[in-house]
Amino acid sequence: MAIDAAARAKINLALHVTGRRADGYHLLDSIVAFADVGDLITVKAADTLSLRLTGPFAAGLSPTDNLVLRAARALHPTRGAAITLEKTLPIASGLGGGSADAAATLQALSQLWSQPLPAPADVLALGADVPVCLLGHSARLQGIGEVLTPLPLPPVWAVLANPGVALATADVFHALQHRSNPPLTPPSALHSAASLASYLHAQRNDLAAAACTLAPVLSATLAALTAQPDCLIARMSGSGATCFGLFANQSQAEAAAQTLRPRNPGWWITATNLT
């Protein structure tokens, strides 16, 4: 019996860096949503623990030093399983791919091994984004990732665009000039894609300037999204290099993606619903 679990892409609609703890962890205040695109974890019973990598971005990953294996051992240090990771999200792209893979691994193996899922606070050691990926729906994320407040979103679509560069999160944080910034304005009821975009226009991604310094092509990516006729707002997700544009409906998002693909043949571009 094979068990599948989707590892959906995580989108930081806003990301404020509000401080840094003595242990080096950064304090965050972020609005997180999830796309209907992502990687896929498949698990089967086996005597030993193993990982097979497939998909268009598999070549950039290690089959032995991987967050998927760390997640499996965190759930149970000695049990076996044959795990397959189909990697369809770009690597080091600001989409929480590794954390989403870890969360999906926990979900799949909890079924295979008939074990309860760990509490969000118990998976922080795997990565700051793992708790919200385990939650799996839009939320406000605070602290170092352990404080999660569900935040329902209105119907909204996005175009995700990655210009084909990888940005290491540690490098972007190292280039960050200001680490104590104001938190998010507390979100009120968001009734439409337009009201969500209006709220986000008053918020920030505090990592964007540092990321654009390391990868200047991000400025062109944001400009390309912003230039689409129906784009409500364009921002960078996480530490980059994926950017997103928000749209009110599916047809607008798919039209924008179809326009952008031939103009930027080296980019990874997709239209997706957000929840």
Protein backbone atom coordinates (compact mmCIF):
# COMPACT_ATOMS: atom_id res chain seq x y z
CA MET A 1 0.00 0.00 0.00
CA ALA A 2 1.30 3.43 -0.99
CA ILE A 3 0.29 6.60 0.83
CA ASP A 4 0.59 9.98 -0.89
CA ALA A 5 0.82 13.39 0.77
CA ALA A 6 0.92 16.70 -1.07
CA ALA A 7 3.71 19.12 -0.13
CA ARG A 8 2.05 22.36 -1.20
CA ALA A 9 4.10 25.46 -1.93
CA LYS A 10 4.10 28.01 0.89
CA ILE A 11 3.70 31.65 -0.12
CA ASN A 12 4.67 34.50 2.22
CA LEU A 13 2.19 37.20 1.24
CA ALA A 14 3.94 39.51 3.70
CA LEU A 15 7.05 38.92 5.79
CA HIS A 16 8.24 41.28 8.52
CA VAL A 17 11.48 40.61 10.41
CA THR A 18 10.85 42.04 13.86
CA GLY A 19 13.97 41.07 15.80
CA ARG A 20 16.62 38.49 16.51
CA ARG A 21 16.92 36.29 19.58
CA ALA A 22 20.15 35.73 21.47
CA ASP A 23 20.37 32.23 19.98
CA GLY A 24 20.40 33.66 16.44
CA TYR A 25 16.84 32.82 15.44
CA HIS A 26 15.01 35.68 13.73
CA LEU A 27 11.59 36.79 14.93
CA LEU A 28 9.03 36.96 12.16
CA ASP A 29 5.54 38.26 11.53
CA SER A 30 4.15 36.84 8.30
CA ILE A 31 0.98 36.12 6.37
CA VAL A 32 1.29 32.65 4.85
CA ALA A 33 -0.88 31.00 2.20
CA PHE A 34 -0.60 27.72 0.33
CA ALA A 35 -0.74 27.08 -3.41
CA ASP A 36 -2.35 24.20 -5.24
CA VAL A 37 1.05 23.27 -6.69
CA GLY A 38 3.90 21.53 -4.93
CA ASP A 39 5.94 18.41 -4.42
CA LEU A 40 4.57 14.93 -3.71
CA ILE A 41 5.62 12.49 -0.99
CA THR A 42 4.82 8.79 -1.40
CA VAL A 43 5.57 6.25 1.35
CA LYS A 44 5.45 2.46 1.40
CA ALA A 45 6.18 -0.07 4.12
CA ALA A 46 9.81 -1.27 4.20
CA ASP A 47 12.27 -2.74 6.68
CA THR A 48 14.72 0.14 6.34
CA LEU A 49 14.41 3.86 5.72
CA SER A 50 15.24 5.03 2.20
CA LEU A 51 14.59 8.01 -0.04
CA ARG A 52 14.19 8.06 -3.83
CA LEU A 53 14.18 11.39 -5.67
CA THR A 54 12.24 12.04 -8.88
CA GLY A 55 10.86 15.07 -10.69
CA PRO A 56 12.32 17.98 -12.66
CA PHE A 57 14.25 19.46 -9.72
CA ALA A 58 15.45 16.22 -8.13
CA ALA A 59 19.03 16.59 -9.36
CA GLY A 60 19.68 19.45 -6.93
CA LEU A 61 18.89 17.37 -3.84
CA SER A 62 20.80 14.81 -1.78
CA PRO A 63 19.14 11.42 -1.21
CA THR A 64 21.03 10.95 2.07
CA ASP A 65 21.20 14.43 3.64
CA ASN A 66 17.60 15.49 3.26
CA LEU A 67 14.96 17.06 5.48
CA VAL A 68 12.56 14.27 4.50
CA LEU A 69 14.77 11.70 6.22
CA ARG A 70 15.22 13.94 9.25
CA ALA A 71 11.43 14.26 9.53
CA ALA A 72 10.99 10.49 9.32
CA ARG A 73 13.56 9.89 12.07
CA ALA A 74 11.97 12.60 14.21
CA LEU A 75 8.64 10.76 14.04
CA HIS A 76 10.30 7.42 14.84
CA PRO A 77 14.07 6.96 15.06
CA THR A 78 14.24 3.32 13.94
CA ARG A 79 11.21 2.40 11.80
CA GLY A 80 11.61 1.81 8.07
CA ALA A 81 9.80 3.12 5.02
CA ALA A 82 10.46 3.53 1.32
CA ILE A 83 9.92 7.23 0.63
CA THR A 84 9.71 8.86 -2.79
CA LEU A 85 9.94 12.62 -3.19
CA GLU A 86 8.71 13.95 -6.53
CA LYS A 87 10.38 17.36 -6.64
CA THR A 88 8.43 19.77 -8.85
CA LEU A 89 9.16 23.02 -6.98
CA PRO A 90 12.39 24.92 -7.67
CA ILE A 91 15.04 24.52 -4.98
CA ALA A 92 15.95 27.40 -2.65
CA SER A 93 13.04 29.35 -4.08
CA GLY A 94 11.27 30.90 -1.08
CA LEU A 95 8.37 28.47 -1.38
CA GLY A 96 9.11 26.44 1.75
CA GLY A 97 9.74 23.35 -0.35
CA GLY A 98 11.96 21.52 2.12
CA SER A 99 9.67 22.34 5.02
CA ALA A 100 6.58 21.32 3.03
CA ASP A 101 8.31 18.05 2.11
CA ALA A 102 9.09 17.42 5.78
CA ALA A 103 5.50 18.16 6.84
CA ALA A 104 4.09 15.90 4.10
CA THR A 105 6.48 13.15 5.19
CA LEU A 106 5.20 13.41 8.76
CA GLN A 107 1.59 13.25 7.54
CA ALA A 108 2.18 10.23 5.30
CA LEU A 109 4.25 8.28 7.82
CA SER A 110 1.80 8.98 10.64
CA GLN A 111 -0.75 7.05 8.56
CA LEU A 112 1.67 4.31 7.51
CA TRP A 113 2.95 3.77 11.05
CA SER A 114 -0.36 4.54 12.81
CA GLN A 115 1.31 7.21 14.93
CA PRO A 116 -0.16 10.57 15.92
CA LEU A 117 1.26 13.68 14.32
CA PRO A 118 3.63 15.67 16.54
CA ALA A 119 2.55 19.03 17.94
CA PRO A 120 3.68 22.04 15.86
CA ALA A 121 6.12 23.16 18.56
CA ASP A 122 7.77 19.74 18.49
CA VAL A 123 8.78 20.04 14.82
CA LEU A 124 10.43 23.47 15.01
CA ALA A 125 13.83 21.80 15.14
CA LEU A 126 13.22 20.66 11.55
CA GLY A 127 12.73 24.25 10.37
CA ALA A 128 10.77 27.39 11.20
CA ASP A 129 8.28 26.75 8.37
CA VAL A 130 7.50 23.14 9.24
CA PRO A 131 4.76 23.94 11.81
CA VAL A 132 2.78 26.11 9.38
CA CYS A 133 3.28 23.56 6.59
CA LEU A 134 1.93 20.92 8.94
CA LEU A 135 -1.07 23.20 9.58
CA GLY A 136 -1.52 23.45 5.81
CA HIS A 137 -3.75 26.49 5.42
CA SER A 138 -3.46 30.28 5.51
CA ALA A 139 -2.34 31.76 8.79
CA ARG A 140 -0.47 34.54 10.50
CA LEU A 141 2.92 33.22 11.60
CA GLN A 142 4.78 34.87 14.49
CA GLY A 143 7.73 34.24 16.78
CA ILE A 144 10.23 31.93 15.12
CA GLY A 145 7.38 30.04 13.47
CA GLU A 146 5.69 28.51 16.50
CA VAL A 147 2.85 31.03 16.95
CA LEU A 148 0.15 30.32 14.36
CA THR A 149 -3.19 32.08 14.02
CA PRO A 150 -5.51 30.80 11.26
CA LEU A 151 -6.41 33.58 8.82
CA PRO A 152 -9.06 32.69 6.22
CA LEU A 153 -8.41 34.22 2.82
CA PRO A 154 -10.96 35.33 0.23
CA PRO A 155 -10.94 33.58 -3.16
CA VAL A 156 -7.67 34.65 -4.80
CA TRP A 157 -5.33 33.39 -7.52
CA ALA A 158 -1.63 33.91 -8.02
CA VAL A 159 1.01 33.66 -10.69
CA LEU A 160 4.28 32.33 -9.29
CA ALA A 161 7.44 33.26 -11.19
CA ASN A 162 10.95 32.04 -10.41
CA PRO A 163 13.67 33.45 -12.69
CA GLY A 164 15.85 30.36 -12.41
CA VAL A 165 18.16 31.45 -9.62
CA ALA A 166 18.51 29.86 -6.19
CA LEU A 167 18.82 31.96 -3.05
CA ALA A 168 19.97 30.41 0.23
CA THR A 169 17.89 31.71 3.13
CA ALA A 170 20.99 32.11 5.30
CA ASP A 171 22.66 34.31 2.65
CA VAL A 172 19.62 36.57 2.40
CA PHE A 173 19.37 37.00 6.17
CA HIS A 174 23.12 37.71 6.29
CA ALA A 175 22.61 40.52 3.78
CA LEU A 176 19.67 41.97 5.74
CA GLN A 177 20.56 45.43 7.03
CA HIS A 178 17.73 45.99 9.53
CA ARG A 179 16.57 43.15 11.81
CA SER A 180 14.20 45.04 14.14
CA ASN A 181 11.31 46.25 12.02
CA PRO A 182 7.67 47.05 12.84
CA PRO A 183 5.27 44.07 12.92
CA LEU A 184 2.33 43.56 10.63
CA THR A 185 -0.71 45.73 10.93
CA PRO A 186 -3.24 43.30 12.45
CA PRO A 187 -5.37 42.03 9.55
CA SER A 188 -9.08 42.68 9.62
CA ALA A 189 -11.70 40.75 7.69
CA LEU A 190 -10.58 40.21 4.11
CA HIS A 191 -13.65 39.89 1.91
CA SER A 192 -12.18 39.93 -1.59
CA ALA A 193 -8.94 39.64 -3.51
CA ALA A 194 -8.96 43.42 -3.86
CA SER A 195 -9.25 43.94 -0.09
CA LEU A 196 -6.45 41.43 0.48
CA ALA A 197 -4.22 43.29 -1.98
CA SER A 198 -5.10 46.62 -0.37
CA TYR A 199 -4.06 45.24 3.01
CA LEU A 200 -0.83 43.79 1.61
CA HIS A 201 0.12 47.10 -0.02
CA ALA A 202 0.53 48.48 3.51
CA GLN A 203 2.76 45.56 4.56
CA ARG A 204 6.24 44.46 3.42
CA ASN A 205 8.68 41.69 2.73
CA ASP A 206 11.69 42.84 4.75
CA LEU A 207 13.95 40.37 2.92
CA ALA A 208 13.20 41.72 -0.55
CA ALA A 209 15.88 44.41 -0.67
CA ALA A 210 18.60 42.00 0.46
CA ALA A 211 17.44 39.35 -2.01
CA CYS A 212 17.38 41.83 -4.90
CA THR A 213 20.94 42.84 -4.04
CA LEU A 214 22.05 39.21 -4.26
CA ALA A 215 19.93 38.46 -7.35
CA PRO A 216 19.17 41.63 -9.35
CA VAL A 217 16.97 39.65 -11.76
CA LEU A 218 14.32 39.71 -9.03
CA SER A 219 13.63 43.37 -9.81
CA ALA A 220 12.85 42.38 -13.39
CA THR A 221 10.65 39.51 -12.16
CA LEU A 222 8.60 41.82 -9.98
CA ALA A 223 8.31 44.36 -12.79
CA ALA A 224 7.10 41.69 -15.22
CA LEU A 225 4.37 40.57 -12.82
CA THR A 226 3.33 44.12 -11.96
CA ALA A 227 2.98 44.95 -15.66
CA GLN A 228 0.23 42.35 -16.15
CA PRO A 229 -3.08 44.20 -16.63
CA ASP A 230 -5.04 42.48 -13.86
CA CYS A 231 -2.26 42.09 -11.29
CA LEU A 232 -3.41 43.46 -7.93
CA ILE A 233 0.02 43.36 -6.26
CA ALA A 234 3.39 41.72 -6.88
CA ARG A 235 5.81 40.70 -4.14
CA MET A 236 8.61 38.27 -3.39
CA SER A 237 7.82 35.16 -1.32
CA GLY A 238 9.99 34.27 1.66
CA SER A 239 13.68 34.81 1.02
CA GLY A 240 13.22 34.47 -2.76
CA ALA A 241 13.76 33.95 -5.54
CA THR A 242 10.11 33.18 -6.37
CA CYS A 243 7.83 36.18 -6.77
CA PHE A 244 4.05 36.23 -6.99
CA GLY A 245 1.34 38.39 -8.46
CA LEU A 246 -2.18 38.25 -7.07
CA PHE A 247 -5.24 38.10 -9.31
CA ALA A 248 -8.97 38.12 -8.63
CA ASN A 249 -9.78 34.96 -10.58
CA GLN A 250 -8.44 31.97 -12.46
CA SER A 251 -8.84 33.33 -15.98
CA GLN A 252 -6.86 36.48 -15.19
CA ALA A 253 -4.04 34.50 -13.56
CA GLU A 254 -3.82 31.95 -16.37
CA ALA A 255 -3.82 34.70 -19.01
CA ALA A 256 -0.95 36.44 -17.22
CA ALA A 257 1.03 33.20 -16.98
CA GLN A 258 0.50 32.51 -20.68
CA THR A 259 1.77 36.00 -21.50
CA LEU A 260 4.86 35.70 -19.31
CA ARG A 261 6.07 32.23 -20.36
CA PRO A 262 7.16 32.96 -23.94
CA ARG A 263 8.76 36.23 -22.87
CA ASN A 264 10.82 34.51 -20.15
CA PRO A 265 11.64 31.01 -21.41
CA GLY A 266 14.12 30.27 -18.60
CA TRP A 267 11.67 31.04 -15.81
CA TRP A 268 9.47 28.66 -13.82
CA ILE A 269 5.96 30.13 -14.07
CA THR A 270 2.63 28.76 -12.92
CA ALA A 271 -0.86 29.98 -12.11
CA THR A 272 -2.43 28.64 -8.94
CA ASN A 273 -5.22 29.05 -6.45
CA LEU A 274 -4.24 30.15 -2.91
CA THR A 275 -5.84 28.98 0.33
